[in-house]
Protein backbone atom coordinates (compact mmCIF):
# COMPACT_ATOMS: atom_id res chain seq x y z
CA MET A 1 -24.16 -12.32 -0.72
CA ASN A 2 -23.26 -9.36 1.48
CA GLU A 3 -21.95 -6.15 -0.06
CA PRO A 4 -18.53 -5.22 1.37
CA VAL A 5 -17.97 -1.51 2.00
CA ILE A 6 -15.10 0.64 3.22
CA VAL A 7 -16.18 2.82 6.12
CA ASP A 8 -12.88 4.61 6.62
CA ALA A 9 -9.26 4.45 5.52
CA VAL A 10 -6.14 6.03 7.00
CA ARG A 11 -2.39 5.90 6.82
CA THR A 12 0.59 7.24 8.68
CA PRO A 13 2.98 9.69 7.09
CA PHE A 14 5.72 7.78 5.31
CA GLY A 15 9.13 8.35 6.88
CA LYS A 16 12.17 8.23 4.64
CA ARG A 17 14.78 5.56 5.30
CA ASP A 18 16.74 6.30 8.48
CA GLY A 19 14.44 9.26 8.99
CA ALA A 20 11.67 10.19 11.41
CA PHE A 21 10.67 6.60 12.24
CA ARG A 22 14.12 5.07 12.64
CA ASP A 23 13.62 4.77 16.41
CA THR A 24 9.96 3.71 16.13
CA HIS A 25 9.25 0.00 16.52
CA PRO A 26 7.30 -1.47 13.56
CA GLN A 27 4.70 -2.85 15.97
CA ASP A 28 4.05 0.66 17.32
CA LEU A 29 3.83 2.03 13.79
CA ALA A 30 1.39 -0.72 12.80
CA ALA A 31 -0.88 0.15 15.73
CA VAL A 32 -1.29 3.82 14.76
CA PRO A 33 -3.87 3.34 11.96
CA LEU A 34 -5.84 0.94 14.17
CA ARG A 35 -6.18 3.50 16.95
CA ALA A 36 -7.06 6.17 14.39
CA LEU A 37 -9.87 4.06 12.92
CA GLU A 38 -11.22 3.39 16.42
CA GLU A 39 -11.12 7.07 17.41
CA ARG A 40 -12.58 8.36 14.15
CA ASN A 41 -15.43 5.86 14.02
CA GLY A 42 -16.17 5.31 17.69
CA PHE A 43 -16.35 1.52 17.69
CA ASP A 44 -15.59 -1.01 20.38
CA PRO A 45 -12.65 -3.11 19.11
CA ALA A 46 -14.55 -6.18 20.30
CA ILE A 47 -16.71 -5.94 17.17
CA VAL A 48 -13.70 -6.49 14.90
CA ASP A 49 -13.71 -10.10 13.69
CA ASP A 50 -10.15 -10.04 12.35
CA VAL A 51 -7.19 -7.81 11.58
CA VAL A 52 -5.43 -8.66 8.31
CA TYR A 53 -2.08 -6.93 7.78
CA GLY A 54 0.30 -7.17 4.87
CA CYS A 55 4.02 -7.23 5.61
CA VAL A 56 6.62 -8.17 3.01
CA THR A 57 9.63 -8.73 5.26
CA PRO A 58 8.11 -10.51 8.28
CA LYS A 59 11.31 -11.06 10.24
CA GLY A 60 13.12 -9.48 13.14
CA ASP A 61 11.09 -6.60 14.56
CA GLN A 62 8.36 -7.32 11.99
CA GLY A 63 8.18 -11.01 12.81
CA SER A 64 5.96 -12.88 15.28
CA ASN A 65 2.82 -12.27 13.19
CA ILE A 66 2.69 -8.48 13.32
CA GLY A 67 -0.95 -8.68 12.23
CA ARG A 68 -1.79 -10.11 15.65
CA ILE A 69 0.67 -7.98 17.62
CA ALA A 70 -0.60 -4.68 16.16
CA PRO A 71 -4.10 -4.81 17.73
CA LEU A 72 -2.58 -5.86 21.06
CA VAL A 73 -0.22 -2.88 20.95
CA ALA A 74 -3.19 -0.68 19.97
CA GLY A 75 -4.88 -1.67 23.21
CA TRP A 76 -7.72 -3.55 21.57
CA GLY A 77 -8.62 -5.56 24.64
CA GLU A 78 -9.73 -5.10 28.22
CA GLU A 79 -7.46 -3.12 30.50
CA ILE A 80 -5.64 -4.93 33.30
CA PRO A 81 -4.86 -2.81 36.39
CA ALA A 82 -1.21 -1.82 36.58
CA ASP A 83 -0.99 -3.28 40.08
CA ALA A 84 -2.61 -6.59 39.15
CA GLY A 85 0.68 -8.36 39.73
CA PRO A 86 1.90 -11.80 38.63
CA GLY A 87 -0.77 -14.42 38.17
CA ALA A 88 -3.53 -11.90 37.46
CA SER A 89 -6.29 -13.16 35.23
CA TYR A 90 -6.05 -12.05 31.61
CA GLU A 91 -9.46 -13.48 30.79
CA GLY A 92 -11.20 -11.23 28.29
CA ARG A 93 -8.10 -9.25 27.38
CA HIS A 94 -7.75 -10.96 24.06
CA GLY A 95 -8.67 -8.34 21.50
CA PRO A 96 -9.51 -9.32 17.92
CA PRO A 97 -7.37 -11.96 16.22
CA GLY A 98 -4.91 -10.94 13.56
CA VAL A 99 -2.88 -12.37 10.72
CA GLN A 100 0.07 -11.23 8.66
CA LEU A 101 0.06 -12.05 4.94
CA ASN A 102 2.68 -11.72 2.25
CA ARG A 103 1.83 -11.23 -1.40
CA MET A 104 4.98 -9.15 -1.60
CA CYS A 105 4.27 -5.60 -2.81
CA GLY A 106 0.56 -6.37 -3.22
CA SER A 107 0.16 -7.42 0.41
CA GLY A 108 -1.74 -4.40 1.74
CA GLN A 109 -4.15 -4.47 -1.19
CA GLN A 110 -4.53 -8.23 -0.84
CA ALA A 111 -5.46 -7.73 2.81
CA ILE A 112 -8.37 -5.54 1.69
CA ASN A 113 -9.38 -8.03 -0.99
CA PHE A 114 -9.34 -10.90 1.51
CA ALA A 115 -11.39 -8.83 3.94
CA ALA A 116 -13.93 -8.05 1.22
CA GLY A 117 -14.22 -11.75 0.39
CA GLN A 118 -14.79 -12.73 4.01
CA VAL A 119 -17.47 -10.08 4.42
CA ALA A 120 -19.13 -10.88 1.09
CA ALA A 121 -19.34 -14.57 1.98
CA GLY A 122 -20.83 -13.78 5.37
CA PHE A 123 -18.00 -15.43 7.28
CA GLN A 124 -17.06 -12.18 9.04
CA ASP A 125 -18.84 -8.88 9.63
CA VAL A 126 -16.07 -6.39 10.42
CA VAL A 127 -12.44 -6.68 9.30
CA VAL A 128 -9.64 -4.17 9.63
CA ALA A 129 -7.33 -4.64 6.65
CA GLY A 130 -4.07 -2.91 5.90
CA GLY A 131 -0.34 -3.29 6.15
CA VAL A 132 2.95 -2.10 7.56
CA GLU A 133 6.56 -1.98 6.49
CA HIS A 134 9.57 -0.60 8.32
CA MET A 135 12.17 -0.70 5.56
CA THR A 136 14.75 0.97 7.78
CA ARG A 137 14.64 -1.84 10.34
CA GLU A 138 14.00 -4.73 7.94
CA PRO A 139 15.36 -3.97 4.44
CA MET A 140 13.68 -5.37 1.35
CA GLY A 141 14.90 -8.88 0.55
CA SER A 142 16.56 -9.43 3.92
CA ASP A 143 14.25 -12.38 4.58
CA GLY A 144 15.24 -14.17 1.38
CA GLY A 145 17.34 -17.28 0.97
CA SER A 146 18.58 -19.51 -1.81
CA MET A 147 16.33 -20.66 -4.64
CA THR A 148 15.87 -24.35 -5.34
CA GLU A 149 17.51 -25.82 -8.42
CA THR A 150 14.05 -26.86 -9.58
CA TYR A 151 13.15 -23.18 -9.94
CA ARG A 152 16.48 -22.33 -11.54
CA GLU A 153 16.01 -25.04 -14.14
CA GLN A 154 12.77 -23.37 -15.25
CA TYR A 155 13.91 -19.75 -14.89
CA SER A 156 17.66 -19.54 -15.34
CA GLU A 157 17.73 -15.80 -14.74
CA LEU A 158 17.29 -14.40 -11.25
CA VAL A 159 17.22 -10.64 -11.77
CA PRO A 160 16.46 -7.80 -9.35
CA GLN A 161 13.26 -5.87 -9.86
CA GLY A 162 15.25 -2.92 -11.11
CA GLU A 163 16.58 -5.01 -13.98
CA SER A 164 13.01 -6.07 -14.75
CA ALA A 165 12.08 -2.38 -14.84
CA GLU A 166 14.95 -1.78 -17.28
CA ARG A 167 13.70 -4.58 -19.53
CA ILE A 168 10.20 -3.15 -19.50
CA ALA A 169 11.60 0.21 -20.58
CA GLY A 170 13.51 -1.48 -23.39
CA THR A 171 10.59 -3.61 -24.54
CA TRP A 172 8.22 -0.65 -24.72
CA GLY A 173 10.83 1.75 -26.06
CA PHE A 174 10.87 4.28 -23.21
CA ASP A 175 13.94 6.47 -22.89
CA ARG A 176 15.18 8.15 -19.74
CA ALA A 177 13.40 11.42 -20.52
CA ASP A 178 10.06 9.62 -20.83
CA LEU A 179 10.43 8.14 -17.37
CA ASP A 180 11.90 11.25 -15.76
CA GLU A 181 8.97 13.33 -16.99
CA LEU A 182 6.59 10.92 -15.29
CA ALA A 183 8.66 11.13 -12.10
CA VAL A 184 8.66 14.93 -12.12
CA ASP A 185 4.88 14.86 -12.56
CA SER A 186 4.50 12.52 -9.61
CA GLN A 187 6.52 14.79 -7.34
CA ARG A 188 4.70 17.90 -8.54
CA ARG A 189 1.28 16.33 -8.08
CA TRP A 190 2.14 15.19 -4.56
CA GLY A 191 3.32 18.70 -3.67
CA GLU A 192 0.21 20.37 -5.04
CA ALA A 193 -2.06 17.84 -3.33
CA TRP A 194 -0.27 18.14 0.00
CA GLU A 195 -0.34 21.94 0.00
CA ALA A 196 -4.02 21.91 -1.00
CA GLY A 197 -4.84 19.69 1.98
CA ARG A 198 -5.97 16.70 -0.05
CA TYR A 199 -4.08 14.34 2.24
CA ASP A 200 -5.42 15.86 5.45
CA SER A 201 -8.37 13.50 5.77
CA GLN A 202 -6.29 10.35 5.35
CA VAL A 203 -2.85 10.93 6.88
CA VAL A 204 -2.85 10.73 10.69
CA PRO A 205 0.03 12.19 12.72
CA VAL A 206 2.33 9.89 14.65
CA GLU A 207 3.64 10.82 18.09
CA THR A 208 6.94 9.05 18.64
CA THR A 209 10.52 9.67 19.69
CA LEU A 210 13.66 10.34 17.69
CA ASP A 211 17.09 10.31 19.30
CA GLY A 212 15.39 10.24 22.68
CA GLU A 213 13.27 13.34 22.04
CA PRO A 214 9.47 13.38 21.53
CA ILE A 215 8.35 14.35 18.03
CA THR A 216 5.14 14.43 16.02
CA VAL A 217 5.47 13.23 12.43
CA GLU A 218 2.88 14.80 10.15
CA ARG A 219 4.39 14.86 6.65
CA ASP A 220 5.78 12.35 4.17
CA GLY A 221 9.54 12.50 4.46
CA HIS A 222 10.66 11.22 1.07
CA ALA A 223 8.77 13.56 -1.28
CA ARG A 224 10.70 16.20 -3.21
CA PRO A 225 8.04 18.35 -4.94
CA GLY A 226 10.65 20.71 -6.40
CA THR A 227 12.23 17.93 -8.46
CA ASP A 228 12.88 18.85 -12.10
CA MET A 229 14.39 17.24 -15.18
CA ASP A 230 17.81 18.76 -14.53
CA THR A 231 17.88 17.31 -11.03
CA LEU A 232 16.98 13.84 -12.26
CA GLY A 233 19.39 14.08 -15.17
CA GLY A 234 22.32 14.21 -12.78
CA LEU A 235 21.50 10.99 -10.94
CA PRO A 236 23.53 7.83 -11.65
CA LEU A 237 21.86 4.68 -12.93
CA ALA A 238 20.92 2.20 -10.24
CA PHE A 239 21.05 -1.18 -11.98
CA ARG A 240 23.16 -0.84 -15.14
CA GLU A 241 26.32 0.86 -16.30
CA GLU A 242 25.99 4.47 -17.42
CA GLY A 243 24.68 4.75 -20.95
CA GLU A 244 23.12 1.28 -20.84
CA GLY A 245 19.93 1.93 -18.90
CA VAL A 246 17.30 4.40 -17.74
CA ILE A 247 16.35 3.48 -14.15
CA HIS A 248 17.74 5.48 -11.24
CA ALA A 249 16.67 6.52 -7.74
CA GLY A 250 14.68 9.50 -9.00
CA ASN A 251 12.32 7.52 -11.25
CA SER A 252 11.92 4.67 -8.76
CA SER A 253 9.81 4.38 -5.63
CA GLY A 254 11.15 5.67 -2.35
CA ILE A 255 12.34 3.38 0.46
CA VAL A 256 10.20 4.41 3.44
CA ASP A 257 8.55 3.31 6.68
CA GLY A 258 4.78 3.45 7.17
CA ALA A 259 1.44 1.77 7.85
CA ALA A 260 -2.12 2.00 6.54
CA ALA A 261 -5.47 0.43 7.40
CA THR A 262 -9.09 0.33 6.26
CA LEU A 263 -12.32 -0.51 8.08
CA VAL A 264 -14.22 -3.05 5.97
CA CYS A 265 -17.67 -4.42 6.80
CA SER A 266 -21.01 -5.34 5.26
CA ARG A 267 -23.50 -2.64 4.37
CA GLU A 268 -25.90 -4.00 6.97
CA VAL A 269 -23.30 -3.77 9.73
CA ALA A 270 -22.41 -0.23 8.68
CA GLU A 271 -26.04 0.82 8.91
CA ALA A 272 -26.48 -0.91 12.28
CA ASN A 273 -23.51 1.02 13.68
CA GLY A 274 -24.49 4.35 12.18
CA TRP A 275 -21.49 4.41 9.86
CA GLU A 276 -21.66 6.05 6.46
CA PRO A 277 -19.63 3.96 3.99
CA MET A 278 -17.18 5.86 1.82
CA ALA A 279 -17.02 3.25 -0.96
CA ARG A 280 -18.06 -0.25 -1.87
CA ILE A 281 -15.65 -2.91 -3.06
CA VAL A 282 -16.97 -4.08 -6.41
CA ALA A 283 -14.40 -6.46 -7.89
CA GLN A 284 -10.87 -7.78 -7.50
CA GLU A 285 -8.34 -9.62 -9.62
CA VAL A 286 -4.96 -11.24 -9.20
CA VAL A 287 -2.80 -12.72 -11.97
CA GLY A 288 0.50 -14.47 -12.52
CA VAL A 289 2.95 -13.28 -15.20
CA ASP A 290 6.54 -13.96 -16.30
CA PRO A 291 8.64 -13.97 -13.09
CA VAL A 292 11.69 -12.61 -14.91
CA MET A 293 10.03 -9.60 -16.57
CA MET A 294 8.09 -9.66 -13.31
CA LEU A 295 6.51 -6.19 -13.15
CA THR A 296 3.99 -6.32 -16.00
CA GLY A 297 1.24 -7.79 -13.79
CA PRO A 298 -0.86 -4.61 -13.51
CA ILE A 299 -1.60 -4.77 -17.24
CA PRO A 300 -3.46 -8.13 -17.35
CA ALA A 301 -4.83 -7.63 -13.83
CA THR A 302 -6.52 -4.42 -14.95
CA GLN A 303 -7.63 -5.83 -18.28
CA GLN A 304 -9.12 -9.00 -16.78
CA LEU A 305 -10.89 -7.14 -13.99
CA LEU A 306 -12.49 -4.68 -16.40
CA GLU A 307 -13.48 -7.49 -18.76
CA SER A 308 -15.12 -9.41 -15.91
CA GLU A 309 -17.20 -6.33 -15.10
CA ASP A 310 -17.98 -5.59 -18.78
CA MET A 311 -16.18 -2.26 -18.43
CA THR A 312 -13.45 -0.31 -20.21
CA VAL A 313 -10.94 2.22 -18.92
CA ASP A 314 -13.40 4.91 -19.99
CA ASP A 315 -15.76 3.70 -17.26
CA VAL A 316 -13.19 4.35 -14.50
CA ASP A 317 -12.76 7.88 -13.20
CA ILE A 318 -9.51 7.56 -11.23
CA PHE A 319 -6.64 5.08 -11.27
CA GLU A 320 -3.82 4.32 -8.85
CA VAL A 321 -0.94 2.38 -10.37
CA ASN A 322 1.90 1.79 -7.95
CA GLU A 323 4.98 3.67 -9.06
CA ALA A 324 7.46 0.96 -8.15
CA PHE A 325 9.37 2.21 -11.18
CA ALA A 326 8.27 4.78 -13.74
CA SER A 327 8.57 2.23 -16.55
CA VAL A 328 5.91 0.04 -14.89
CA VAL A 329 3.38 2.86 -15.00
CA ALA A 330 4.39 3.95 -18.50
CA ALA A 331 3.89 0.44 -19.90
CA TRP A 332 0.54 0.12 -18.11
CA LEU A 333 -0.64 3.43 -19.58
CA GLU A 334 0.33 2.38 -23.09
CA GLU A 335 -1.23 -1.07 -22.93
CA THR A 336 -4.49 -0.15 -21.21
CA GLY A 337 -5.05 3.18 -22.92
CA ALA A 338 -5.86 4.85 -19.60
CA PRO A 339 -5.03 8.57 -19.53
CA TRP A 340 -2.18 9.82 -17.34
CA GLU A 341 -4.40 12.76 -16.37
CA ARG A 342 -6.66 10.38 -14.40
CA THR A 343 -3.84 8.27 -12.99
CA ASN A 344 -2.00 8.90 -9.70
CA VAL A 345 -3.60 12.32 -9.59
CA ASN A 346 -2.14 13.21 -6.18
CA GLY A 347 1.31 11.80 -6.81
CA GLY A 348 2.55 8.27 -6.33
CA ALA A 349 5.26 6.16 -4.77
CA ILE A 350 8.04 7.98 -6.63
CA ALA A 351 7.06 10.93 -4.44
CA HIS A 352 5.62 9.59 -1.19
CA GLY A 353 7.47 6.28 -1.19
CA HIS A 354 6.55 2.60 -1.21
CA PRO A 355 6.43 0.95 2.24
CA LEU A 356 6.04 -2.49 0.73
CA GLY A 357 3.38 -4.20 2.84
CA ALA A 358 1.45 -0.99 3.47
CA THR A 359 1.37 0.54 0.00
CA GLY A 360 -1.60 -1.37 -1.37
CA ALA A 361 -3.77 -0.25 1.53
CA ALA A 362 -2.43 3.29 1.14
CA LEU A 363 -3.35 3.38 -2.56
CA VAL A 364 -6.90 2.27 -1.84
CA THR A 365 -7.00 4.86 0.95
CA LYS A 366 -6.02 7.56 -1.54
CA LEU A 367 -8.75 6.49 -3.92
CA VAL A 368 -11.48 6.34 -1.27
CA HIS A 369 -10.75 9.89 -0.14
CA GLU A 370 -10.33 11.23 -3.67
CA LEU A 371 -13.71 9.81 -4.69
CA GLU A 372 -15.29 11.54 -1.73
CA ARG A 373 -13.47 14.81 -2.38
CA THR A 374 -14.29 15.04 -6.08
CA GLY A 375 -17.61 13.24 -6.30
CA ALA A 376 -16.18 10.87 -8.90
CA GLU A 377 -17.87 7.48 -9.01
CA THR A 378 -15.39 4.72 -9.84
CA ALA A 379 -11.73 4.02 -9.06
CA LEU A 380 -9.25 1.21 -9.66
CA SER A 381 -6.01 0.39 -7.88
CA THR A 382 -3.39 -1.94 -9.33
CA MET A 383 0.14 -3.02 -8.40
CA CYS A 384 3.05 -5.02 -9.73
CA ILE A 385 4.36 -7.80 -7.51
CA GLY A 386 7.67 -9.63 -7.23
CA PHE A 387 8.18 -12.98 -8.97
CA GLY A 388 5.53 -12.04 -11.53
CA GLN A 389 2.10 -11.19 -10.19
CA GLY A 390 -0.40 -8.38 -10.50
CA ILE A 391 -3.34 -7.30 -8.37
CA ALA A 392 -6.29 -4.99 -9.01
CA THR A 393 -9.25 -3.75 -6.99
CA LEU A 394 -12.29 -1.81 -8.21
CA ILE A 395 -14.26 0.44 -5.87
CA GLU A 396 -17.24 2.74 -6.28
CA ARG A 397 -18.18 5.79 -4.26
CA GLU A 398 -21.18 5.56 -1.98
């Protein structure tokens, strides 16, 4: 079996809703990490066997299989002269194939896991795996429809994820202060990491237009590193009446636009191309959990992955747990016993935002670069997923 490795990993800045990327087409945004990987690693796109892109709301401007459109927009094919005219031959200008997948919030991470499986099995040699989400253009849930009565007979409650987050807080006994403290930490950590340049190696600038004027986007737009407990204390609840809940905008993930991608291949292919792998993909796990409580999936996903590798949380140096809601992370910390000090060390989605289909790839990107920066050996990324799933990926530094 081949050993899958990550050669490089990048992401765009994440633009806040109706912010810097509101005039940027999702297909253009999706192409940015692809071009960055090509430029940074000097490869001919013809060597890429497939592009696998997560996207959670694949409709409208994100429809038409954005996983295939992105490499075409990136120019991953032969050039055709501008004056070729109608009827010109497009033979050879195909670029690598591409596919869009949807495991909801775990889509970008699933893209990497699928790529690793293809490489490990020897079916493909080089796969670019990542994701994109333009939540301004295509809001979360806007692709949904009615649920069949067969489903409703089994699960009579159809609750929003925010209500699931409230139930997790209630089940584990977290009050608002518990969750707000975690949120303040996330914002502070992001701010310290950004100012220290820890994101410089992974976040690539985006040249685009806004209101008809050219701009260069270089910084995450949602983060508020000066957030404190007093600020959060003044925010209204998002899903329940005041006094009856704990979840609000400040301890939930940000609604943002962004894209991320990784270059995955076998060790042999990396050596043949003169690439130095940043990390190897060691193990992966995906689980199903209660679709009403919904967001507890990271707990068994982490536990089962570690058990399969005969490891404990003490064997993992750094964790990324997606901060969909602070209660999700708090419950995961309590159940796994992992220390907060080694979790989301450079801030999480409460700070930088959660561009649904891209976030999983962005979390793995963060881990790959943090392993290289610190010299730590092992890292694990895990995410909650709508309708009750969880995903986890274990990587080790090269």
